[in-house]
Amino acid sequence: MIASTFTKRLSLAVQDDVFNEIKRLSNTDKYKFIMVLHPKLPNAIKAKWKSLENKNFTYYNTTDLIPLFKNSDIMFADTTSAIQEFLLQQKPVVTYNHTFNHNYLINITTPNAIENAFTQALHPSLNLTKNIEAFIEQLHPYFDGKSSERVIDACLTFLHKDKRYLKKKPLNLIRKYKIRKRLGYFTFKSYSKAYTLEK
């Protein structure tokens, strides 16, 4: 699976040499590619990648990534936030010019390193697997399906707590005016103190 962010200086989708290498690899019958691009990327970039469609390359115009994650063995990406979600499956990710050199990613900096990185990802080392597992443990250690319930419980518990220890937010009238203007909501009622529910 190929995924890319919309920030031009970080996006692999705008790199012609990456495009050409993926085009070459898609014609070797060695890999099956599925690709999704960030909705904010220019339409010309999307059309360029869509033009690669063949029996080994499918472009998806969607924001529903979970089914694509499940159907992929590895991911090729830049700095997109989809990386973290994909890693939760304990599947390797190859990154192109990632801003940080994380030990749970296979980061490359040149297009001619793409194929070797794919091979490495498809046959991950024990060390890489352990690093991915350690990252998952930090990011999201729960697999019981009750994380949303825990978040709601934590919010309700906090809303009932005494919050006098919290510092007051600075009085930022310009920011408040801008937000209210955007929402079309003007009132004299304001929550200058942390909101607390009655028990």
N, C-alpha and C. Protein backbone atom coordinates (compact mmCIF):
# COMPACT_ATOMS: atom_id res chain seq x y z
N MET A 1 0.84 -1.19 0.00
CA MET A 1 0.00 0.00 0.00
C MET A 1 0.87 1.24 0.00
N ILE A 2 0.57 2.17 -0.89
CA ILE A 2 1.28 3.45 -0.95
C ILE A 2 0.35 4.53 -0.41
N ALA A 3 0.88 5.33 0.52
CA ALA A 3 0.11 6.44 1.09
C ALA A 3 1.01 7.66 1.17
N SER A 4 0.43 8.83 0.99
CA SER A 4 1.25 10.04 0.97
C SER A 4 0.54 11.21 1.62
N THR A 5 1.32 12.06 2.27
CA THR A 5 0.80 13.26 2.89
C THR A 5 0.61 14.36 1.84
N PHE A 6 -0.03 15.47 2.24
CA PHE A 6 -0.30 16.54 1.28
C PHE A 6 0.76 17.65 1.31
N THR A 7 1.61 17.68 2.34
CA THR A 7 2.63 18.71 2.43
C THR A 7 3.66 18.51 1.32
N LYS A 8 3.80 19.50 0.45
CA LYS A 8 4.58 19.33 -0.78
C LYS A 8 6.03 18.91 -0.52
N ARG A 9 6.68 19.55 0.47
CA ARG A 9 8.10 19.24 0.70
C ARG A 9 8.31 17.86 1.33
N LEU A 10 7.23 17.25 1.84
CA LEU A 10 7.34 15.94 2.48
C LEU A 10 6.72 14.81 1.66
N SER A 11 5.91 15.16 0.68
CA SER A 11 5.12 14.17 -0.05
C SER A 11 5.93 13.41 -1.09
N LEU A 12 5.87 12.08 -1.04
CA LEU A 12 6.53 11.26 -2.06
C LEU A 12 5.76 11.33 -3.38
N ALA A 13 4.48 11.68 -3.30
CA ALA A 13 3.63 11.71 -4.49
C ALA A 13 4.06 12.76 -5.51
N VAL A 14 4.77 13.78 -5.08
CA VAL A 14 5.19 14.85 -6.00
C VAL A 14 6.57 14.59 -6.60
N GLN A 15 7.21 13.49 -6.18
CA GLN A 15 8.57 13.17 -6.65
C GLN A 15 8.51 12.36 -7.95
N ASP A 16 9.00 12.93 -9.05
CA ASP A 16 8.96 12.24 -10.34
C ASP A 16 9.78 10.96 -10.34
N ASP A 17 10.92 10.97 -9.65
CA ASP A 17 11.78 9.77 -9.64
C ASP A 17 11.13 8.62 -8.87
N VAL A 18 10.36 8.94 -7.83
CA VAL A 18 9.60 7.91 -7.10
C VAL A 18 8.50 7.37 -8.00
N PHE A 19 7.80 8.26 -8.67
CA PHE A 19 6.74 7.86 -9.61
C PHE A 19 7.28 6.89 -10.66
N ASN A 20 8.42 7.22 -11.23
CA ASN A 20 9.01 6.39 -12.29
C ASN A 20 9.43 5.02 -11.77
N GLU A 21 9.93 4.97 -10.54
CA GLU A 21 10.36 3.69 -9.97
C GLU A 21 9.15 2.81 -9.65
N ILE A 22 8.10 3.39 -9.11
CA ILE A 22 6.88 2.62 -8.84
C ILE A 22 6.25 2.15 -10.15
N LYS A 23 6.30 2.98 -11.17
CA LYS A 23 5.80 2.60 -12.49
C LYS A 23 6.55 1.38 -13.01
N ARG A 24 7.88 1.41 -12.87
CA ARG A 24 8.71 0.28 -13.31
C ARG A 24 8.36 -0.99 -12.54
N LEU A 25 8.27 -0.86 -11.21
CA LEU A 25 7.99 -2.02 -10.37
C LEU A 25 6.60 -2.61 -10.62
N SER A 26 5.66 -1.74 -10.96
CA SER A 26 4.29 -2.22 -11.20
C SER A 26 4.20 -3.03 -12.49
N ASN A 27 5.21 -2.90 -13.34
CA ASN A 27 5.22 -3.64 -14.60
C ASN A 27 6.07 -4.91 -14.54
N THR A 28 6.60 -5.22 -13.36
CA THR A 28 7.45 -6.41 -13.23
C THR A 28 6.67 -7.66 -12.83
N ASP A 29 5.40 -7.50 -12.47
CA ASP A 29 4.56 -8.60 -11.97
C ASP A 29 5.06 -9.16 -10.64
N LYS A 30 5.94 -8.43 -9.98
CA LYS A 30 6.49 -8.89 -8.70
C LYS A 30 5.67 -8.38 -7.52
N TYR A 31 5.02 -7.22 -7.69
CA TYR A 31 4.25 -6.59 -6.62
C TYR A 31 2.86 -6.22 -7.10
N LYS A 32 1.93 -6.17 -6.17
CA LYS A 32 0.59 -5.63 -6.43
C LYS A 32 0.46 -4.39 -5.57
N PHE A 33 0.29 -3.25 -6.19
CA PHE A 33 0.21 -1.97 -5.49
C PHE A 33 -1.24 -1.51 -5.35
N ILE A 34 -1.55 -0.96 -4.17
CA ILE A 34 -2.78 -0.19 -4.00
C ILE A 34 -2.33 1.17 -3.46
N MET A 35 -2.98 2.21 -3.90
CA MET A 35 -2.53 3.56 -3.52
C MET A 35 -3.70 4.44 -3.13
N VAL A 36 -3.45 5.26 -2.11
CA VAL A 36 -4.41 6.28 -1.71
C VAL A 36 -3.63 7.56 -1.41
N LEU A 37 -4.17 8.69 -1.84
CA LEU A 37 -3.50 9.98 -1.63
C LEU A 37 -4.37 10.87 -0.76
N HIS A 38 -3.70 11.78 -0.07
CA HIS A 38 -4.42 12.72 0.79
C HIS A 38 -5.35 13.58 -0.07
N PRO A 39 -6.59 13.79 0.39
CA PRO A 39 -7.55 14.58 -0.40
C PRO A 39 -7.08 15.99 -0.75
N LYS A 40 -6.17 16.56 0.06
CA LYS A 40 -5.72 17.93 -0.19
C LYS A 40 -4.65 18.03 -1.28
N LEU A 41 -4.13 16.91 -1.75
CA LEU A 41 -3.14 16.96 -2.82
C LEU A 41 -3.79 17.48 -4.10
N PRO A 42 -3.03 18.20 -4.94
CA PRO A 42 -3.61 18.73 -6.18
C PRO A 42 -4.16 17.61 -7.07
N ASN A 43 -5.24 17.93 -7.79
CA ASN A 43 -5.88 16.95 -8.67
C ASN A 43 -4.93 16.44 -9.75
N ALA A 44 -4.02 17.29 -10.18
CA ALA A 44 -3.06 16.89 -11.22
C ALA A 44 -2.16 15.75 -10.73
N ILE A 45 -1.77 15.82 -9.46
CA ILE A 45 -0.93 14.77 -8.87
C ILE A 45 -1.73 13.47 -8.77
N LYS A 46 -2.99 13.58 -8.33
CA LYS A 46 -3.84 12.40 -8.23
C LYS A 46 -4.04 11.75 -9.59
N ALA A 47 -4.29 12.59 -10.60
CA ALA A 47 -4.51 12.07 -11.96
C ALA A 47 -3.25 11.38 -12.50
N LYS A 48 -2.10 11.93 -12.16
CA LYS A 48 -0.83 11.34 -12.61
C LYS A 48 -0.67 9.92 -12.08
N TRP A 49 -0.93 9.74 -10.77
CA TRP A 49 -0.79 8.41 -10.18
C TRP A 49 -1.90 7.47 -10.65
N LYS A 50 -3.07 8.01 -10.83
CA LYS A 50 -4.19 7.19 -11.32
C LYS A 50 -3.89 6.64 -12.72
N SER A 51 -3.09 7.38 -13.48
CA SER A 51 -2.73 6.94 -14.84
C SER A 51 -1.89 5.67 -14.84
N LEU A 52 -1.34 5.30 -13.69
CA LEU A 52 -0.53 4.08 -13.59
C LEU A 52 -1.37 2.82 -13.52
N GLU A 53 -2.69 2.95 -13.37
CA GLU A 53 -3.53 1.78 -13.14
C GLU A 53 -3.31 0.69 -14.19
N ASN A 54 -3.05 -0.50 -13.68
CA ASN A 54 -2.91 -1.70 -14.51
C ASN A 54 -3.26 -2.90 -13.64
N LYS A 55 -2.96 -4.09 -14.08
CA LYS A 55 -3.34 -5.27 -13.30
C LYS A 55 -2.59 -5.36 -11.97
N ASN A 56 -1.49 -4.61 -11.85
CA ASN A 56 -0.69 -4.63 -10.62
C ASN A 56 -0.76 -3.33 -9.82
N PHE A 57 -1.54 -2.37 -10.29
CA PHE A 57 -1.61 -1.07 -9.61
C PHE A 57 -3.05 -0.57 -9.61
N THR A 58 -3.59 -0.33 -8.42
CA THR A 58 -4.96 0.18 -8.29
C THR A 58 -4.95 1.44 -7.44
N TYR A 59 -5.55 2.48 -7.97
CA TYR A 59 -5.65 3.75 -7.24
C TYR A 59 -7.03 3.84 -6.60
N TYR A 60 -7.06 4.20 -5.30
CA TYR A 60 -8.32 4.35 -4.58
C TYR A 60 -8.53 5.81 -4.18
N ASN A 61 -9.66 6.36 -4.56
CA ASN A 61 -10.03 7.72 -4.16
C ASN A 61 -10.95 7.61 -2.95
N THR A 62 -10.35 7.41 -1.78
CA THR A 62 -11.13 7.17 -0.57
C THR A 62 -10.40 7.67 0.67
N THR A 63 -11.16 7.87 1.73
CA THR A 63 -10.55 8.17 3.03
C THR A 63 -10.79 7.01 4.00
N ASP A 64 -11.45 5.96 3.53
CA ASP A 64 -11.69 4.77 4.35
C ASP A 64 -10.50 3.83 4.16
N LEU A 65 -9.51 3.98 5.03
CA LEU A 65 -8.25 3.28 4.86
C LEU A 65 -8.20 1.88 5.47
N ILE A 66 -9.07 1.60 6.44
CA ILE A 66 -8.98 0.34 7.18
C ILE A 66 -9.03 -0.89 6.26
N PRO A 67 -9.98 -0.97 5.31
CA PRO A 67 -9.99 -2.14 4.41
C PRO A 67 -8.70 -2.26 3.59
N LEU A 68 -8.12 -1.11 3.21
CA LEU A 68 -6.87 -1.13 2.45
C LEU A 68 -5.72 -1.61 3.32
N PHE A 69 -5.71 -1.18 4.59
CA PHE A 69 -4.69 -1.65 5.53
C PHE A 69 -4.72 -3.17 5.63
N LYS A 70 -5.92 -3.72 5.77
CA LYS A 70 -6.07 -5.16 5.96
C LYS A 70 -5.60 -5.96 4.75
N ASN A 71 -5.75 -5.37 3.56
CA ASN A 71 -5.38 -6.06 2.33
C ASN A 71 -3.92 -5.86 1.93
N SER A 72 -3.14 -5.20 2.78
CA SER A 72 -1.75 -4.89 2.44
C SER A 72 -0.77 -5.64 3.34
N ASP A 73 0.32 -6.06 2.75
CA ASP A 73 1.38 -6.73 3.52
C ASP A 73 2.35 -5.72 4.11
N ILE A 74 2.64 -4.66 3.34
CA ILE A 74 3.54 -3.60 3.80
C ILE A 74 3.00 -2.26 3.31
N MET A 75 3.54 -1.19 3.88
CA MET A 75 3.17 0.16 3.45
C MET A 75 4.40 0.89 2.96
N PHE A 76 4.23 1.71 1.94
CA PHE A 76 5.26 2.64 1.47
C PHE A 76 4.69 4.03 1.64
N ALA A 77 5.35 4.87 2.43
CA ALA A 77 4.80 6.18 2.77
C ALA A 77 5.90 7.20 3.00
N ASP A 78 5.51 8.42 3.31
CA ASP A 78 6.48 9.49 3.61
C ASP A 78 6.39 9.82 5.10
N THR A 79 5.60 10.83 5.45
CA THR A 79 5.43 11.16 6.87
C THR A 79 3.94 11.15 7.25
N THR A 80 3.12 10.58 6.42
CA THR A 80 1.69 10.57 6.66
C THR A 80 1.33 9.92 8.00
N SER A 81 0.27 10.43 8.62
CA SER A 81 -0.17 9.89 9.91
C SER A 81 -0.73 8.48 9.79
N ALA A 82 -1.01 8.04 8.56
CA ALA A 82 -1.52 6.68 8.35
C ALA A 82 -0.49 5.62 8.76
N ILE A 83 0.77 6.02 8.84
CA ILE A 83 1.83 5.09 9.23
C ILE A 83 1.54 4.45 10.58
N GLN A 84 1.21 5.28 11.57
CA GLN A 84 0.97 4.77 12.92
C GLN A 84 -0.20 3.78 12.94
N GLU A 85 -1.26 4.10 12.20
CA GLU A 85 -2.42 3.21 12.16
C GLU A 85 -2.07 1.88 11.51
N PHE A 86 -1.27 1.95 10.45
CA PHE A 86 -0.87 0.73 9.74
C PHE A 86 0.01 -0.15 10.62
N LEU A 87 0.92 0.46 11.36
CA LEU A 87 1.84 -0.29 12.22
C LEU A 87 1.13 -1.07 13.31
N LEU A 88 -0.06 -0.63 13.71
CA LEU A 88 -0.82 -1.34 14.74
C LEU A 88 -1.16 -2.77 14.33
N GLN A 89 -1.07 -3.06 13.03
CA GLN A 89 -1.31 -4.42 12.54
C GLN A 89 -0.05 -5.28 12.65
N GLN A 90 1.04 -4.69 13.15
CA GLN A 90 2.35 -5.36 13.23
C GLN A 90 2.89 -5.70 11.84
N LYS A 91 2.62 -4.78 10.90
CA LYS A 91 3.14 -4.93 9.54
C LYS A 91 4.17 -3.84 9.28
N PRO A 92 5.26 -4.16 8.58
CA PRO A 92 6.35 -3.19 8.36
C PRO A 92 5.97 -2.04 7.43
N VAL A 93 6.66 -0.91 7.65
CA VAL A 93 6.46 0.29 6.83
C VAL A 93 7.80 0.77 6.29
N VAL A 94 7.83 1.02 4.98
CA VAL A 94 8.99 1.64 4.33
C VAL A 94 8.66 3.11 4.16
N THR A 95 9.53 3.98 4.65
CA THR A 95 9.28 5.42 4.52
C THR A 95 10.31 6.05 3.59
N TYR A 96 9.86 7.09 2.90
CA TYR A 96 10.73 7.83 1.98
C TYR A 96 11.00 9.22 2.57
N ASN A 97 12.24 9.45 2.93
CA ASN A 97 12.66 10.74 3.51
C ASN A 97 11.80 11.14 4.72
N HIS A 98 11.62 10.20 5.63
CA HIS A 98 10.88 10.52 6.86
C HIS A 98 11.70 11.53 7.66
N THR A 99 11.01 12.42 8.37
CA THR A 99 11.70 13.49 9.09
C THR A 99 12.46 12.98 10.33
N PHE A 100 12.09 11.78 10.81
CA PHE A 100 12.78 11.19 11.96
C PHE A 100 13.24 9.77 11.61
N ASN A 101 14.39 9.39 12.14
CA ASN A 101 14.93 8.06 11.85
C ASN A 101 14.50 7.08 12.95
N HIS A 102 13.25 6.66 12.93
CA HIS A 102 12.72 5.75 13.93
C HIS A 102 13.18 4.33 13.64
N ASN A 103 13.48 3.58 14.70
CA ASN A 103 13.98 2.22 14.52
C ASN A 103 12.89 1.21 14.14
N TYR A 104 11.62 1.63 14.17
CA TYR A 104 10.53 0.73 13.78
C TYR A 104 10.11 0.95 12.32
N LEU A 105 10.82 1.82 11.62
CA LEU A 105 10.56 2.08 10.20
C LEU A 105 11.79 1.70 9.38
N ILE A 106 11.56 1.36 8.11
CA ILE A 106 12.66 1.18 7.16
C ILE A 106 12.70 2.45 6.33
N ASN A 107 13.58 3.36 6.68
CA ASN A 107 13.60 4.66 6.00
C ASN A 107 14.66 4.67 4.89
N ILE A 108 14.25 5.17 3.74
CA ILE A 108 15.18 5.30 2.60
C ILE A 108 15.15 6.75 2.11
N THR A 109 16.17 7.11 1.37
CA THR A 109 16.28 8.50 0.90
C THR A 109 16.43 8.63 -0.61
N THR A 110 16.54 7.50 -1.30
CA THR A 110 16.68 7.55 -2.76
C THR A 110 15.74 6.54 -3.41
N PRO A 111 15.22 6.85 -4.59
CA PRO A 111 14.29 5.94 -5.27
C PRO A 111 14.91 4.58 -5.62
N ASN A 112 16.22 4.55 -5.89
CA ASN A 112 16.82 3.26 -6.26
C ASN A 112 16.94 2.30 -5.07
N ALA A 113 16.59 2.78 -3.87
CA ALA A 113 16.60 1.92 -2.68
C ALA A 113 15.22 1.33 -2.39
N ILE A 114 14.22 1.71 -3.18
CA ILE A 114 12.84 1.29 -2.90
C ILE A 114 12.68 -0.22 -2.96
N GLU A 115 13.15 -0.85 -4.03
CA GLU A 115 12.93 -2.29 -4.19
C GLU A 115 13.60 -3.11 -3.09
N ASN A 116 14.84 -2.77 -2.75
CA ASN A 116 15.53 -3.47 -1.67
C ASN A 116 14.80 -3.29 -0.34
N ALA A 117 14.26 -2.10 -0.12
CA ALA A 117 13.51 -1.83 1.12
C ALA A 117 12.23 -2.66 1.17
N PHE A 118 11.58 -2.83 0.00
CA PHE A 118 10.38 -3.67 -0.07
C PHE A 118 10.71 -5.11 0.30
N THR A 119 11.83 -5.61 -0.23
CA THR A 119 12.27 -6.98 0.08
C THR A 119 12.53 -7.14 1.57
N GLN A 120 13.18 -6.13 2.14
CA GLN A 120 13.48 -6.14 3.58
C GLN A 120 12.18 -6.13 4.40
N ALA A 121 11.21 -5.35 3.95
CA ALA A 121 9.93 -5.25 4.67
C ALA A 121 9.12 -6.54 4.56
N LEU A 122 9.18 -7.19 3.41
CA LEU A 122 8.43 -8.43 3.20
C LEU A 122 9.05 -9.61 3.95
N HIS A 123 10.32 -9.46 4.34
CA HIS A 123 11.01 -10.47 5.14
C HIS A 123 11.67 -9.77 6.32
N PRO A 124 10.86 -9.24 7.25
CA PRO A 124 11.39 -8.41 8.33
C PRO A 124 12.31 -9.17 9.28
N SER A 125 13.33 -8.48 9.73
CA SER A 125 14.25 -9.06 10.70
C SER A 125 13.56 -9.15 12.06
N LEU A 126 14.11 -9.99 12.93
CA LEU A 126 13.58 -10.13 14.28
C LEU A 126 13.69 -8.80 15.02
N ASN A 127 14.78 -8.07 14.77
CA ASN A 127 15.00 -6.78 15.42
C ASN A 127 13.93 -5.76 15.01
N LEU A 128 13.61 -5.72 13.72
CA LEU A 128 12.56 -4.79 13.24
C LEU A 128 11.21 -5.15 13.85
N THR A 129 10.91 -6.43 13.88
CA THR A 129 9.64 -6.90 14.46
C THR A 129 9.52 -6.49 15.92
N LYS A 130 10.61 -6.65 16.67
CA LYS A 130 10.61 -6.27 18.09
C LYS A 130 10.43 -4.76 18.26
N ASN A 131 11.07 -3.98 17.37
CA ASN A 131 10.94 -2.51 17.44
C ASN A 131 9.51 -2.06 17.13
N ILE A 132 8.85 -2.74 16.19
CA ILE A 132 7.45 -2.43 15.87
C ILE A 132 6.57 -2.76 17.07
N GLU A 133 6.81 -3.90 17.69
CA GLU A 133 6.02 -4.30 18.86
C GLU A 133 6.19 -3.31 20.02
N ALA A 134 7.43 -2.84 20.21
CA ALA A 134 7.71 -1.86 21.28
C ALA A 134 6.99 -0.55 20.99
N PHE A 135 6.95 -0.14 19.71
CA PHE A 135 6.25 1.09 19.33
C PHE A 135 4.75 0.96 19.59
N ILE A 136 4.17 -0.20 19.23
CA ILE A 136 2.74 -0.43 19.44
C ILE A 136 2.41 -0.37 20.93
N GLU A 137 3.28 -0.93 21.75
CA GLU A 137 3.07 -0.93 23.19
C GLU A 137 2.99 0.49 23.74
N GLN A 138 3.75 1.40 23.15
CA GLN A 138 3.73 2.81 23.57
C GLN A 138 2.52 3.55 22.99
N LEU A 139 2.23 3.27 21.72
CA LEU A 139 1.17 4.01 21.02
C LEU A 139 -0.23 3.59 21.47
N HIS A 140 -0.48 2.29 21.45
CA HIS A 140 -1.84 1.81 21.73
C HIS A 140 -1.76 0.36 22.21
N PRO A 141 -1.53 0.16 23.50
CA PRO A 141 -1.30 -1.20 23.99
C PRO A 141 -2.55 -2.07 24.15
N TYR A 142 -3.74 -1.49 23.94
CA TYR A 142 -4.97 -2.24 24.17
C TYR A 142 -5.54 -2.82 22.88
N PHE A 143 -5.96 -4.08 22.95
CA PHE A 143 -6.58 -4.73 21.79
C PHE A 143 -7.90 -5.40 22.20
N ASP A 144 -8.53 -4.85 23.24
CA ASP A 144 -9.76 -5.45 23.75
C ASP A 144 -11.03 -4.78 23.22
N GLY A 145 -10.87 -3.76 22.37
CA GLY A 145 -12.04 -3.09 21.79
C GLY A 145 -12.75 -2.14 22.72
N LYS A 146 -12.13 -1.81 23.87
CA LYS A 146 -12.79 -0.96 24.85
C LYS A 146 -12.09 0.40 25.04
N SER A 147 -11.29 0.79 24.08
CA SER A 147 -10.53 2.04 24.23
C SER A 147 -11.43 3.27 24.24
N SER A 148 -12.45 3.29 23.39
CA SER A 148 -13.39 4.43 23.37
C SER A 148 -14.10 4.55 24.71
N GLU A 149 -14.47 3.41 25.28
CA GLU A 149 -15.13 3.40 26.60
C GLU A 149 -14.21 3.99 27.66
N ARG A 150 -12.93 3.66 27.59
CA ARG A 150 -11.96 4.19 28.55
C ARG A 150 -11.80 5.70 28.41
N VAL A 151 -11.80 6.18 27.17
CA VAL A 151 -11.67 7.62 26.93
C VAL A 151 -12.86 8.37 27.51
N ILE A 152 -14.07 7.85 27.26
CA ILE A 152 -15.29 8.50 27.79
C ILE A 152 -15.29 8.49 29.32
N ASP A 153 -14.91 7.36 29.90
CA ASP A 153 -14.84 7.27 31.37
C ASP A 153 -13.84 8.26 31.95
N ALA A 154 -12.69 8.39 31.28
CA ALA A 154 -11.65 9.32 31.76
C ALA A 154 -12.14 10.77 31.68
N CYS A 155 -12.87 11.09 30.59
CA CYS A 155 -13.42 12.45 30.43
C CYS A 155 -14.45 12.77 31.51
N LEU A 156 -15.36 11.83 31.75
CA LEU A 156 -16.40 12.05 32.77
C LEU A 156 -15.79 12.16 34.16
N THR A 157 -14.78 11.33 34.43
CA THR A 157 -14.11 11.39 35.73
C THR A 157 -13.46 12.76 35.92
N PHE A 158 -12.81 13.25 34.86
CA PHE A 158 -12.15 14.55 34.93
C PHE A 158 -13.16 15.69 35.11
N LEU A 159 -14.29 15.58 34.43
CA LEU A 159 -15.33 16.63 34.54
C LEU A 159 -15.90 16.73 35.95
N HIS A 160 -15.86 15.64 36.71
CA HIS A 160 -16.38 15.64 38.08
C HIS A 160 -15.33 16.06 39.10
N LYS A 161 -14.06 16.10 38.70
CA LYS A 161 -12.98 16.41 39.64
C LYS A 161 -12.90 17.90 39.96
N ASP A 162 -12.31 18.20 41.13
CA ASP A 162 -12.02 19.57 41.51
C ASP A 162 -10.85 20.06 40.66
N LYS A 163 -11.06 21.15 39.92
CA LYS A 163 -10.03 21.62 38.99
C LYS A 163 -9.46 22.99 39.40
N ARG A 164 -9.54 23.30 40.68
CA ARG A 164 -9.03 24.60 41.14
C ARG A 164 -7.51 24.72 40.98
N TYR A 165 -6.85 23.58 40.86
CA TYR A 165 -5.39 23.59 40.71
C TYR A 165 -4.94 24.02 39.31
N LEU A 166 -5.87 24.01 38.35
CA LEU A 166 -5.52 24.38 36.98
C LEU A 166 -5.32 25.89 36.85
N LYS A 167 -4.33 26.27 36.05
CA LYS A 167 -4.11 27.69 35.79
C LYS A 167 -5.18 28.22 34.84
N LYS A 168 -5.54 29.49 34.98
CA LYS A 168 -6.50 30.10 34.07
C LYS A 168 -5.87 30.27 32.70
N LYS A 169 -6.69 30.11 31.69
CA LYS A 169 -6.22 30.36 30.33
C LYS A 169 -6.04 31.87 30.13
N PRO A 170 -5.06 32.27 29.33
CA PRO A 170 -4.88 33.72 29.09
C PRO A 170 -6.10 34.32 28.38
N LEU A 171 -6.38 35.55 28.69
CA LEU A 171 -7.50 36.25 28.07
C LEU A 171 -7.11 36.67 26.65
N ASN A 172 -7.56 35.91 25.69
CA ASN A 172 -7.20 36.16 24.30
C ASN A 172 -8.45 36.58 23.54
N LEU A 173 -8.77 37.87 23.63
CA LEU A 173 -10.01 38.38 23.06
C LEU A 173 -10.04 38.30 21.54
N ILE A 174 -8.90 38.52 20.91
CA ILE A 174 -8.85 38.47 19.43
C ILE A 174 -9.18 37.07 18.94
N ARG A 175 -8.56 36.05 19.57
CA ARG A 175 -8.82 34.66 19.18
C ARG A 175 -10.28 34.30 19.42
N LYS A 176 -10.82 34.72 20.58
CA LYS A 176 -12.22 34.43 20.89
C LYS A 176 -13.15 35.07 19.85
N TYR A 177 -12.84 36.31 19.47
CA TYR A 177 -13.67 37.01 18.48
C TYR A 177 -13.62 36.28 17.13
N LYS A 178 -12.42 35.87 16.72
CA LYS A 178 -12.27 35.19 15.43
C LYS A 178 -13.07 33.88 15.38
N ILE A 179 -13.00 33.11 16.47
CA ILE A 179 -13.71 31.83 16.52
C ILE A 179 -15.22 32.07 16.51
N ARG A 180 -15.67 33.05 17.31
CA ARG A 180 -17.11 33.32 17.37
C ARG A 180 -17.63 33.88 16.04
N LYS A 181 -16.81 34.67 15.39
CA LYS A 181 -17.21 35.21 14.08
C LYS A 181 -17.35 34.08 13.06
N ARG A 182 -16.38 33.15 13.10
CA ARG A 182 -16.42 32.02 12.18
C ARG A 182 -17.66 31.14 12.43
N LEU A 183 -18.01 30.96 13.70
CA LEU A 183 -19.16 30.12 14.05
C LEU A 183 -20.48 30.89 14.02
N GLY A 184 -20.39 32.22 13.94
CA GLY A 184 -21.61 33.03 13.97
C GLY A 184 -22.31 32.93 15.31
N TYR A 185 -21.51 32.84 16.37
CA TYR A 185 -22.07 32.64 17.71
C TYR A 185 -21.54 33.72 18.64
N PHE A 186 -22.43 34.65 19.02
CA PHE A 186 -22.03 35.74 19.90
C PHE A 186 -22.90 35.71 21.16
N THR A 187 -22.26 35.64 22.31
CA THR A 187 -22.98 35.63 23.58
C THR A 187 -22.08 36.22 24.66
N PHE A 188 -22.71 36.71 25.72
CA PHE A 188 -21.93 37.24 26.84
C PHE A 188 -21.49 36.11 27.78
N LYS A 189 -22.07 34.93 27.56
CA LYS A 189 -21.73 33.79 28.40
C LYS A 189 -20.36 33.24 27.99
N SER A 190 -19.49 33.08 28.96
CA SER A 190 -18.15 32.58 28.65
C SER A 190 -17.67 31.69 29.79
N TYR A 191 -16.91 30.66 29.45
CA TYR A 191 -16.38 29.75 30.47
C TYR A 191 -14.91 30.08 30.69
N SER A 192 -14.66 30.98 31.62
CA SER A 192 -13.28 31.37 31.91
C SER A 192 -12.62 30.39 32.89
N LYS A 193 -13.46 29.60 33.58
CA LYS A 193 -12.95 28.58 34.49
C LYS A 193 -13.21 27.20 33.90
N ALA A 194 -12.41 26.23 34.32
CA ALA A 194 -12.58 24.86 33.85
C ALA A 194 -13.96 24.35 34.23
N TYR A 195 -14.67 23.80 33.27
CA TYR A 195 -16.05 23.37 33.49
C TYR A 195 -16.08 22.10 34.36
N THR A 196 -16.94 22.09 35.35
CA THR A 196 -17.06 20.95 36.25
C THR A 196 -18.51 20.55 36.40
N LEU A 197 -18.77 19.26 36.31
CA LEU A 197 -20.13 18.74 36.47
C LEU A 197 -20.45 18.56 37.96
N GLU A 198 -21.70 18.81 38.28
CA GLU A 198 -22.14 18.57 39.66
C GLU A 198 -22.24 17.06 39.89
N LYS A 199 -21.88 16.63 41.08
CA LYS A 199 -21.99 15.20 41.39
C LYS A 199 -23.43 14.85 41.72
